[in-house]
Amino acid sequence: MSAEASQQTVAAAIRGALLTGPAMDKVRAARAVARDWRAGRLAFAFDVAMPAAPARPEQPLLLAPNRMPKRGKAGSERGRIALWHALAHIEFMAIDLALDMAGRFGAERGSDFVSDFLAVAADEAMHFAVLARHLRGLGSCYGALPAHAGLWEAAESTSHDVAARLAVVPMVLEARGLDVTPATLTRIRASGDETGARILQRILDDEIRHVAIGTSHFVAICREQEKTPELCWQELVCTHFKGVLKAPFNDSARLAAGLSRDFYAAIAC
C-alpha cells in the first residue's frame, strides 16, 4: 500500500477528536490534529461525516441555561470558582466548535480554512488546559459544577450553512467575549489574582485573532456571492441567532478583529 493510500485524512482525524469525551483527552486530540495537519501528515480529504454532536465527559452535568444555579457573590470563594468553571466550560465547548467548523466545511472552503480553524481549535484547547489548571489551584476542578450546552445549539442551527456558522459563532458568540472579558479582567486584577489576570489577557488577545479569522472568511464568502457583508451578516444573525445583541460593545477590540460598527449597530439593542 502506498504512503498516500495509508495516510489518515484530516476529516477522520477531526471526527476522532470530536468523538473523544474525556476533557484532557480531547485537549490532546485537538492539539494533535492541528500539529499533524501543519506537519503534512493528514491528507486533505473528507471521507467521513462529522458527528451530529461531539462526545462529552461524564461531568459536568449539562443543564438548560434557565436551570443553571446562581454563581454566588463575585468576591466569595464560591463565586470565584463558579466564574473560572464557567470560563473553562466556554473554552471546552469552543474546542468542538472550531473542530466542527474545519471538519464540516473544510471540503467546501479549502485548505486555508482548515488550517485557520484547526489553529483556533489548538488555541481553545490550550485555553481550556490553563483554565482547568487554575481551577485546580483554587481547590476545584472542571466538572465540579453544572454547565450548559447553549454554545453547541448555535452549531446545530447552522450546520447546513458555512456563512451562517461564521456569522453566529465567531462573529457573535466569540465577539461577545471581546465585550465582557475586559470588565472581568479588571475584577480579577482587583482581587489580586495575577495568574488569573495573565490567563484572561492571553485569552482576550487570542480571541481577537479568532474573531478576525471568522470575519475574514465570512467577508470572502460574501464577496464571492457578490453580497454586502454587513447586510448579509445582519440577515443571517436575525435568522439563526436566538439571542439579542446587547450593548455595551468593545468597539476597539471588535474593529481590530475586522468587525466594525457597520455590522452590528443597526441590529443592536
C-alpha atoms as a PDB file:
ATOM      1  CA  MET A   1       0.000   0.000   0.000  1.00  0.00           C
ATOM      2  CA  SER A   2       1.371   3.433  -0.911  1.00  0.00           C
ATOM      3  CA  ALA A   3       2.082   6.088   1.690  1.00  0.00           C
ATOM      4  CA  GLU A   4      -0.659   8.241   0.145  1.00  0.00           C
ATOM      5  CA  ALA A   5      -3.214   5.466   0.402  1.00  0.00           C
ATOM      6  CA  SER A   6      -2.383   4.781   4.041  1.00  0.00           C
ATOM      7  CA  GLN A   7      -2.293   8.431   5.141  1.00  0.00           C
ATOM      8  CA  GLN A   8      -5.078   9.372   7.533  1.00  0.00           C
ATOM      9  CA  THR A   9      -7.462  12.032   6.255  1.00  0.00           C
ATOM     10  CA  VAL A  10      -7.984  15.314   8.029  1.00  0.00           C
ATOM     11  CA  ALA A  11     -11.717  14.597   8.253  1.00  0.00           C
ATOM     12  CA  ALA A  12     -11.122  11.280  10.024  1.00  0.00           C
ATOM     13  CA  ALA A  13      -8.698  12.908  12.453  1.00  0.00           C
ATOM     14  CA  ILE A  14     -11.133  15.722  13.237  1.00  0.00           C
ATOM     15  CA  ARG A  15     -14.001  13.278  13.699  1.00  0.00           C
ATOM     16  CA  GLY A  16     -11.858  11.260  16.091  1.00  0.00           C
ATOM     17  CA  ALA A  17     -11.124  14.349  18.171  1.00  0.00           C
ATOM     18  CA  LEU A  18     -14.789  15.351  18.231  1.00  0.00           C
ATOM     19  CA  LEU A  19     -15.737  11.880  19.442  1.00  0.00           C
ATOM     20  CA  THR A  20     -13.180  11.994  22.268  1.00  0.00           C
ATOM     21  CA  GLY A  21     -15.072  12.543  25.512  1.00  0.00           C
ATOM     22  CA  PRO A  22     -12.713  12.993  28.492  1.00  0.00           C
ATOM     23  CA  ALA A  23     -11.699  16.624  28.771  1.00  0.00           C
ATOM     24  CA  MET A  24      -7.917  16.363  28.777  1.00  0.00           C
ATOM     25  CA  ASP A  25      -8.008  13.604  26.156  1.00  0.00           C
ATOM     26  CA  LYS A  26      -9.947  15.981  23.898  1.00  0.00           C
ATOM     27  CA  VAL A  27      -7.343  18.685  24.539  1.00  0.00           C
ATOM     28  CA  ARG A  28      -4.577  16.324  23.452  1.00  0.00           C
ATOM     29  CA  ALA A  29      -6.580  15.086  20.450  1.00  0.00           C
ATOM     30  CA  ALA A  30      -7.346  18.606  19.198  1.00  0.00           C
ATOM     31  CA  ARG A  31      -3.733  19.690  19.519  1.00  0.00           C
ATOM     32  CA  ALA A  32      -2.562  16.503  17.790  1.00  0.00           C
ATOM     33  CA  VAL A  33      -4.877  17.088  14.816  1.00  0.00           C
ATOM     34  CA  ALA A  34      -3.605  20.653  14.424  1.00  0.00           C
ATOM     35  CA  ARG A  35       0.017  19.524  14.763  1.00  0.00           C
ATOM     36  CA  ASP A  36      -0.366  16.644  12.299  1.00  0.00           C
ATOM     37  CA  TRP A  37      -2.110  18.905   9.783  1.00  0.00           C
ATOM     38  CA  ARG A  38       0.647  21.507   9.977  1.00  0.00           C
ATOM     39  CA  ALA A  39       3.253  18.790   9.531  1.00  0.00           C
ATOM     40  CA  GLY A  40       1.549  17.432   6.405  1.00  0.00           C
ATOM     41  CA  ARG A  41       0.689  14.096   7.979  1.00  0.00           C
ATOM     42  CA  LEU A  42      -3.039  14.358   7.164  1.00  0.00           C
ATOM     43  CA  ALA A  43      -4.494  14.137   3.676  1.00  0.00           C
ATOM     44  CA  PHE A  44      -6.834  16.882   2.519  1.00  0.00           C
ATOM     45  CA  ALA A  45      -9.828  14.587   2.084  1.00  0.00           C
ATOM     46  CA  PHE A  46     -13.293  14.494   3.599  1.00  0.00           C
ATOM     47  CA  ASP A  47     -14.221  10.848   3.527  1.00  0.00           C
ATOM     48  CA  VAL A  48     -16.240  10.740   6.768  1.00  0.00           C
ATOM     49  CA  ALA A  49     -19.056  12.912   8.071  1.00  0.00           C
ATOM     50  CA  MET A  50     -18.839  14.956  11.223  1.00  0.00           C
ATOM     51  CA  PRO A  51     -20.916  13.664  14.150  1.00  0.00           C
ATOM     52  CA  ALA A  52     -24.217  15.387  14.907  1.00  0.00           C
ATOM     53  CA  ALA A  53     -22.854  16.147  18.380  1.00  0.00           C
ATOM     54  CA  PRO A  54     -19.417  15.746  19.950  1.00  0.00           C
ATOM     55  CA  ALA A  55     -18.642  13.370  22.769  1.00  0.00           C
ATOM     56  CA  ARG A  56     -18.712  14.893  26.232  1.00  0.00           C
ATOM     57  CA  PRO A  57     -17.021  13.994  29.527  1.00  0.00           C
ATOM     58  CA  GLU A  58     -19.231  12.431  32.200  1.00  0.00           C
ATOM     59  CA  GLN A  59     -19.012  15.680  34.139  1.00  0.00           C
ATOM     60  CA  PRO A  60     -20.067  18.477  34.207  1.00  0.00           C
ATOM     61  CA  LEU A  61     -23.785  17.876  34.327  1.00  0.00           C
ATOM     62  CA  LEU A  62     -25.322  19.847  31.458  1.00  0.00           C
ATOM     63  CA  LEU A  63     -28.441  21.865  32.269  1.00  0.00           C
ATOM     64  CA  ALA A  64     -30.692  24.169  30.293  1.00  0.00           C
ATOM     65  CA  PRO A  65     -29.463  27.775  30.641  1.00  0.00           C
ATOM     66  CA  ASN A  66     -32.532  28.745  32.685  1.00  0.00           C
ATOM     67  CA  ARG A  67     -31.829  25.942  35.185  1.00  0.00           C
ATOM     68  CA  MET A  68     -28.269  26.979  35.935  1.00  0.00           C
ATOM     69  CA  PRO A  69     -27.687  27.834  39.623  1.00  0.00           C
ATOM     70  CA  LYS A  70     -26.580  31.317  40.617  1.00  0.00           C
ATOM     71  CA  ARG A  71     -22.817  31.742  40.734  1.00  0.00           C
ATOM     72  CA  GLY A  72     -22.761  33.430  44.120  1.00  0.00           C
ATOM     73  CA  LYS A  73     -21.176  36.724  45.070  1.00  0.00           C
ATOM     74  CA  ALA A  74     -18.257  37.679  42.858  1.00  0.00           C
ATOM     75  CA  GLY A  75     -15.806  38.069  45.722  1.00  0.00           C
ATOM     76  CA  SER A  76     -16.708  34.865  47.531  1.00  0.00           C
ATOM     77  CA  GLU A  77     -14.811  31.614  47.134  1.00  0.00           C
ATOM     78  CA  ARG A  78     -17.893  30.007  45.591  1.00  0.00           C
ATOM     79  CA  GLY A  79     -18.266  32.924  43.186  1.00  0.00           C
ATOM     80  CA  ARG A  80     -14.623  32.780  42.111  1.00  0.00           C
ATOM     81  CA  ILE A  81     -14.756  29.047  41.450  1.00  0.00           C
ATOM     82  CA  ALA A  82     -18.046  29.387  39.565  1.00  0.00           C
ATOM     83  CA  LEU A  83     -16.542  32.111  37.370  1.00  0.00           C
ATOM     84  CA  TRP A  84     -13.463  30.097  36.441  1.00  0.00           C
ATOM     85  CA  HIS A  85     -15.553  26.972  35.903  1.00  0.00           C
ATOM     86  CA  ALA A  86     -17.842  28.869  33.508  1.00  0.00           C
ATOM     87  CA  LEU A  87     -14.846  30.246  31.604  1.00  0.00           C
ATOM     88  CA  ALA A  88     -13.306  26.770  31.361  1.00  0.00           C
ATOM     89  CA  HIS A  89     -16.569  25.353  30.034  1.00  0.00           C
ATOM     90  CA  ILE A  90     -16.811  28.039  27.351  1.00  0.00           C
ATOM     91  CA  GLU A  91     -13.299  27.210  26.171  1.00  0.00           C
ATOM     92  CA  PHE A  92     -14.000  23.478  26.252  1.00  0.00           C
ATOM     93  CA  MET A  93     -17.065  23.931  24.051  1.00  0.00           C
ATOM     94  CA  ALA A  94     -15.033  26.197  21.776  1.00  0.00           C
ATOM     95  CA  ILE A  95     -12.657  23.303  21.014  1.00  0.00           C
ATOM     96  CA  ASP A  96     -15.535  21.350  19.468  1.00  0.00           C
ATOM     97  CA  LEU A  97     -16.912  24.391  17.658  1.00  0.00           C
ATOM     98  CA  ALA A  98     -13.578  25.032  15.931  1.00  0.00           C
ATOM     99  CA  LEU A  99     -13.025  21.364  15.111  1.00  0.00           C
ATOM    100  CA  ASP A 100     -16.521  21.047  13.667  1.00  0.00           C
ATOM    101  CA  MET A 101     -16.027  24.218  11.617  1.00  0.00           C
ATOM    102  CA  ALA A 102     -12.915  22.752   9.995  1.00  0.00           C
ATOM    103  CA  GLY A 103     -14.367  19.277   9.513  1.00  0.00           C
ATOM    104  CA  ARG A 104     -17.863  20.209   8.376  1.00  0.00           C
ATOM    105  CA  PHE A 105     -16.980  22.985   5.944  1.00  0.00           C
ATOM    106  CA  GLY A 106     -13.342  22.330   5.053  1.00  0.00           C
ATOM    107  CA  ALA A 107     -14.088  20.459   1.839  1.00  0.00           C
ATOM    108  CA  GLU A 108     -16.151  23.412   0.642  1.00  0.00           C
ATOM    109  CA  ARG A 109     -13.797  26.186   1.765  1.00  0.00           C
ATOM    110  CA  GLY A 110     -10.341  24.714   1.190  1.00  0.00           C
ATOM    111  CA  SER A 111      -7.091  24.025   2.983  1.00  0.00           C
ATOM    112  CA  ASP A 112      -6.513  27.568   4.290  1.00  0.00           C
ATOM    113  CA  PHE A 113      -9.892  27.442   6.016  1.00  0.00           C
ATOM    114  CA  VAL A 114      -8.962  24.105   7.600  1.00  0.00           C
ATOM    115  CA  SER A 115      -5.601  25.474   8.713  1.00  0.00           C
ATOM    116  CA  ASP A 116      -7.174  28.512  10.313  1.00  0.00           C
ATOM    117  CA  PHE A 117      -9.809  26.666  12.298  1.00  0.00           C
ATOM    118  CA  LEU A 118      -7.548  23.831  13.393  1.00  0.00           C
ATOM    119  CA  ALA A 119      -5.219  26.527  14.735  1.00  0.00           C
ATOM    120  CA  VAL A 120      -8.204  28.029  16.567  1.00  0.00           C
ATOM    121  CA  ALA A 121      -9.046  24.588  18.000  1.00  0.00           C
ATOM    122  CA  ALA A 122      -5.490  24.206  19.273  1.00  0.00           C
ATOM    123  CA  ASP A 123      -5.693  27.649  20.912  1.00  0.00           C
ATOM    124  CA  GLU A 124      -9.002  26.795  22.576  1.00  0.00           C
ATOM    125  CA  ALA A 125      -7.513  23.537  23.840  1.00  0.00           C
ATOM    126  CA  MET A 126      -4.615  25.458  25.373  1.00  0.00           C
ATOM    127  CA  HIS A 127      -7.018  27.963  26.937  1.00  0.00           C
ATOM    128  CA  PHE A 128      -9.050  25.169  28.500  1.00  0.00           C
ATOM    129  CA  ALA A 129      -5.945  23.434  29.838  1.00  0.00           C
ATOM    130  CA  VAL A 130      -4.657  26.538  31.633  1.00  0.00           C
ATOM    131  CA  LEU A 131      -8.112  27.366  32.993  1.00  0.00           C
ATOM    132  CA  ALA A 132      -8.535  23.813  34.277  1.00  0.00           C
ATOM    133  CA  ARG A 133      -5.142  24.073  35.967  1.00  0.00           C
ATOM    134  CA  HIS A 134      -6.158  27.383  37.557  1.00  0.00           C
ATOM    135  CA  LEU A 135      -9.352  25.771  38.841  1.00  0.00           C
ATOM    136  CA  ARG A 136      -7.300  23.006  40.445  1.00  0.00           C
ATOM    137  CA  GLY A 137      -5.180  25.685  42.109  1.00  0.00           C
ATOM    138  CA  LEU A 138      -8.381  27.029  43.664  1.00  0.00           C
ATOM    139  CA  GLY A 139      -9.187  23.592  45.069  1.00  0.00           C
ATOM    140  CA  SER A 140     -11.781  22.653  42.449  1.00  0.00           C
ATOM    141  CA  CYS A 141     -11.824  21.031  39.009  1.00  0.00           C
ATOM    142  CA  TYR A 142     -13.642  21.135  35.712  1.00  0.00           C
ATOM    143  CA  GLY A 143     -16.827  19.124  36.081  1.00  0.00           C
ATOM    144  CA  ALA A 144     -17.348  20.012  39.741  1.00  0.00           C
ATOM    145  CA  LEU A 145     -20.227  22.358  38.852  1.00  0.00           C
ATOM    146  CA  PRO A 146     -23.052  22.070  36.321  1.00  0.00           C
ATOM    147  CA  ALA A 147     -22.779  23.815  32.964  1.00  0.00           C
ATOM    148  CA  HIS A 148     -24.935  24.312  29.900  1.00  0.00           C
ATOM    149  CA  ALA A 149     -24.600  23.357  26.244  1.00  0.00           C
ATOM    150  CA  GLY A 150     -26.042  26.523  24.755  1.00  0.00           C
ATOM    151  CA  LEU A 151     -22.984  27.161  22.601  1.00  0.00           C
ATOM    152  CA  TRP A 152     -23.454  23.881  20.752  1.00  0.00           C
ATOM    153  CA  GLU A 153     -27.038  24.844  19.893  1.00  0.00           C
ATOM    154  CA  ALA A 154     -25.524  27.526  17.667  1.00  0.00           C
ATOM    155  CA  ALA A 155     -23.585  24.842  15.822  1.00  0.00           C
ATOM    156  CA  GLU A 156     -26.682  22.687  15.344  1.00  0.00           C
ATOM    157  CA  SER A 157     -28.752  25.549  13.946  1.00  0.00           C
ATOM    158  CA  THR A 158     -26.054  26.467  11.399  1.00  0.00           C
ATOM    159  CA  SER A 159     -24.804  23.026  10.393  1.00  0.00           C
ATOM    160  CA  HIS A 160     -26.128  23.496   6.846  1.00  0.00           C
ATOM    161  CA  ASP A 161     -24.517  26.845   6.012  1.00  0.00           C
ATOM    162  CA  VAL A 162     -20.916  27.936   6.492  1.00  0.00           C
ATOM    163  CA  ALA A 163     -21.796  31.628   6.211  1.00  0.00           C
ATOM    164  CA  ALA A 164     -24.415  31.288   8.933  1.00  0.00           C
ATOM    165  CA  ARG A 165     -21.971  29.392  11.149  1.00  0.00           C
ATOM    166  CA  LEU A 166     -19.323  32.084  10.720  1.00  0.00           C
ATOM    167  CA  ALA A 167     -21.867  34.840  11.320  1.00  0.00           C
ATOM    168  CA  VAL A 168     -23.095  33.352  14.591  1.00  0.00           C
ATOM    169  CA  VAL A 169     -20.133  31.593  16.198  1.00  0.00           C
ATOM    170  CA  PRO A 170     -17.028  33.753  15.737  1.00  0.00           C
ATOM    171  CA  MET A 171     -18.826  36.983  14.832  1.00  0.00           C
ATOM    172  CA  VAL A 172     -21.477  36.922  17.596  1.00  0.00           C
ATOM    173  CA  LEU A 173     -20.571  34.454  20.321  1.00  0.00           C
ATOM    174  CA  GLU A 174     -16.794  34.914  20.302  1.00  0.00           C
ATOM    175  CA  ALA A 175     -17.145  38.626  19.677  1.00  0.00           C
ATOM    176  CA  ARG A 176     -19.248  38.851  22.830  1.00  0.00           C
ATOM    177  CA  GLY A 177     -16.217  37.612  24.722  1.00  0.00           C
ATOM    178  CA  LEU A 178     -14.351  40.687  23.489  1.00  0.00           C
ATOM    179  CA  ASP A 179     -17.041  42.826  25.125  1.00  0.00           C
ATOM    180  CA  VAL A 180     -17.241  41.185  28.542  1.00  0.00           C
ATOM    181  CA  THR A 181     -13.688  39.985  29.191  1.00  0.00           C
ATOM    182  CA  PRO A 182     -12.115  43.403  29.921  1.00  0.00           C
ATOM    183  CA  ALA A 183     -14.503  44.044  32.836  1.00  0.00           C
ATOM    184  CA  THR A 184     -13.879  40.534  34.168  1.00  0.00           C
ATOM    185  CA  LEU A 185     -10.156  41.116  33.800  1.00  0.00           C
ATOM    186  CA  THR A 186     -10.422  44.304  35.847  1.00  0.00           C
ATOM    187  CA  ARG A 187     -12.232  42.457  38.658  1.00  0.00           C
ATOM    188  CA  ILE A 188      -9.685  39.640  38.609  1.00  0.00           C
ATOM    189  CA  ARG A 189      -6.787  42.070  38.851  1.00  0.00           C
ATOM    190  CA  ALA A 190      -8.513  43.963  41.686  1.00  0.00           C
ATOM    191  CA  SER A 191      -8.856  40.689  43.601  1.00  0.00           C
ATOM    192  CA  GLY A 192      -5.086  40.174  43.425  1.00  0.00           C
ATOM    193  CA  ASP A 193      -5.262  37.086  41.174  1.00  0.00           C
ATOM    194  CA  GLU A 194      -2.345  37.936  38.905  1.00  0.00           C
ATOM    195  CA  THR A 195      -2.130  34.414  37.483  1.00  0.00           C
ATOM    196  CA  GLY A 196      -5.779  34.555  36.527  1.00  0.00           C
ATOM    197  CA  ALA A 197      -5.316  38.008  35.023  1.00  0.00           C
ATOM    198  CA  ARG A 198      -2.484  36.783  32.807  1.00  0.00           C
ATOM    199  CA  ILE A 199      -4.633  33.865  31.645  1.00  0.00           C
ATOM    200  CA  LEU A 200      -7.547  36.123  30.757  1.00  0.00           C
ATOM    201  CA  GLN A 201      -5.318  38.626  28.959  1.00  0.00           C
ATOM    202  CA  ARG A 202      -3.870  35.837  26.827  1.00  0.00           C
ATOM    203  CA  ILE A 203      -7.344  34.545  26.026  1.00  0.00           C
ATOM    204  CA  LEU A 204      -8.572  38.036  25.097  1.00  0.00           C
ATOM    205  CA  ASP A 205      -5.616  38.583  22.760  1.00  0.00           C
ATOM    206  CA  ASP A 206      -6.207  35.220  21.088  1.00  0.00           C
ATOM    207  CA  GLU A 207      -9.947  35.760  20.763  1.00  0.00           C
ATOM    208  CA  ILE A 208      -9.431  38.999  18.840  1.00  0.00           C
ATOM    209  CA  ARG A 209      -7.473  36.937  16.331  1.00  0.00           C
ATOM    210  CA  HIS A 210     -10.167  34.230  16.284  1.00  0.00           C
ATOM    211  CA  VAL A 211     -12.906  36.750  15.551  1.00  0.00           C
ATOM    212  CA  ALA A 212     -10.694  38.205  12.825  1.00  0.00           C
ATOM    213  CA  ILE A 213     -10.304  34.759  11.250  1.00  0.00           C
ATOM    214  CA  GLY A 214     -14.054  34.195  11.232  1.00  0.00           C
ATOM    215  CA  THR A 215     -14.767  37.667   9.912  1.00  0.00           C
ATOM    216  CA  SER A 216     -12.228  37.413   7.089  1.00  0.00           C
ATOM    217  CA  HIS A 217     -13.664  34.095   5.887  1.00  0.00           C
ATOM    218  CA  PHE A 218     -17.205  35.459   6.134  1.00  0.00           C
ATOM    219  CA  VAL A 219     -16.318  38.551   4.096  1.00  0.00           C
ATOM    220  CA  ALA A 220     -14.607  36.359   1.479  1.00  0.00           C
ATOM    221  CA  ILE A 221     -17.781  34.290   1.076  1.00  0.00           C
ATOM    222  CA  CYS A 222     -19.878  37.434   0.704  1.00  0.00           C
ATOM    223  CA  ARG A 223     -17.515  38.790  -1.946  1.00  0.00           C
ATOM    224  CA  GLU A 224     -17.734  35.501  -3.856  1.00  0.00           C
ATOM    225  CA  GLN A 225     -21.531  35.736  -3.754  1.00  0.00           C
ATOM    226  CA  GLU A 226     -21.496  39.458  -4.599  1.00  0.00           C
ATOM    227  CA  LYS A 227     -23.258  40.327  -1.344  1.00  0.00           C
ATOM    228  CA  THR A 228     -22.669  43.221   1.024  1.00  0.00           C
ATOM    229  CA  PRO A 229     -21.009  41.621   4.093  1.00  0.00           C
ATOM    230  CA  GLU A 230     -22.683  43.851   6.673  1.00  0.00           C
ATOM    231  CA  LEU A 231     -26.199  43.320   5.295  1.00  0.00           C
ATOM    232  CA  CYS A 232     -25.664  39.603   4.786  1.00  0.00           C
ATOM    233  CA  TRP A 233     -24.394  39.244   8.353  1.00  0.00           C
ATOM    234  CA  GLN A 234     -27.383  41.102   9.778  1.00  0.00           C
ATOM    235  CA  GLU A 235     -29.799  38.875   7.867  1.00  0.00           C
ATOM    236  CA  LEU A 236     -28.081  35.668   8.979  1.00  0.00           C
ATOM    237  CA  VAL A 237     -27.877  36.756  12.616  1.00  0.00           C
ATOM    238  CA  CYS A 238     -31.547  37.700  12.701  1.00  0.00           C
ATOM    239  CA  THR A 239     -32.404  34.302  11.198  1.00  0.00           C
ATOM    240  CA  HIS A 240     -30.111  31.984  13.148  1.00  0.00           C
ATOM    241  CA  PHE A 241     -29.202  33.660  16.450  1.00  0.00           C
ATOM    242  CA  LYS A 242     -31.806  33.206  19.180  1.00  0.00           C
ATOM    243  CA  GLY A 243     -30.485  35.909  21.477  1.00  0.00           C
ATOM    244  CA  VAL A 244     -30.098  39.652  21.111  1.00  0.00           C
ATOM    245  CA  LEU A 245     -27.030  41.791  20.590  1.00  0.00           C
ATOM    246  CA  LYS A 246     -26.723  43.948  23.684  1.00  0.00           C
ATOM    247  CA  ALA A 247     -24.517  46.953  24.346  1.00  0.00           C
ATOM    248  CA  PRO A 248     -22.004  47.801  25.637  1.00  0.00           C
ATOM    249  CA  PHE A 249     -19.614  46.721  22.905  1.00  0.00           C
ATOM    250  CA  ASN A 250     -15.833  46.724  22.943  1.00  0.00           C
ATOM    251  CA  ASP A 251     -15.706  48.684  19.708  1.00  0.00           C
ATOM    252  CA  SER A 252     -11.914  48.920  19.584  1.00  0.00           C
ATOM    253  CA  ALA A 253     -11.360  45.174  20.014  1.00  0.00           C
ATOM    254  CA  ARG A 254     -14.116  44.399  17.527  1.00  0.00           C
ATOM    255  CA  LEU A 255     -12.610  46.801  14.998  1.00  0.00           C
ATOM    256  CA  ALA A 256      -9.202  45.187  15.493  1.00  0.00           C
ATOM    257  CA  ALA A 257     -10.913  41.916  14.510  1.00  0.00           C
ATOM    258  CA  GLY A 258     -12.410  43.484  11.381  1.00  0.00           C
ATOM    259  CA  LEU A 259     -15.893  43.707  12.906  1.00  0.00           C
ATOM    260  CA  SER A 260     -16.810  47.374  12.533  1.00  0.00           C
ATOM    261  CA  ARG A 261     -19.954  49.009  13.904  1.00  0.00           C
ATOM    262  CA  ASP A 262     -21.362  48.859  10.376  1.00  0.00           C
ATOM    263  CA  PHE A 263     -22.067  45.191  11.076  1.00  0.00           C
ATOM    264  CA  TYR A 264     -23.814  45.310  14.432  1.00  0.00           C
ATOM    265  CA  ALA A 265     -25.021  48.845  15.222  1.00  0.00           C
ATOM    266  CA  ALA A 266     -28.218  48.542  13.166  1.00  0.00           C
ATOM    267  CA  ILE A 267     -29.490  45.437  14.996  1.00  0.00           C
ATOM    268  CA  ALA A 268     -28.079  46.013  18.496  1.00  0.00           C
ATOM    269  CA  CYS A 269     -30.298  46.705  21.496  1.00  0.00           C
END
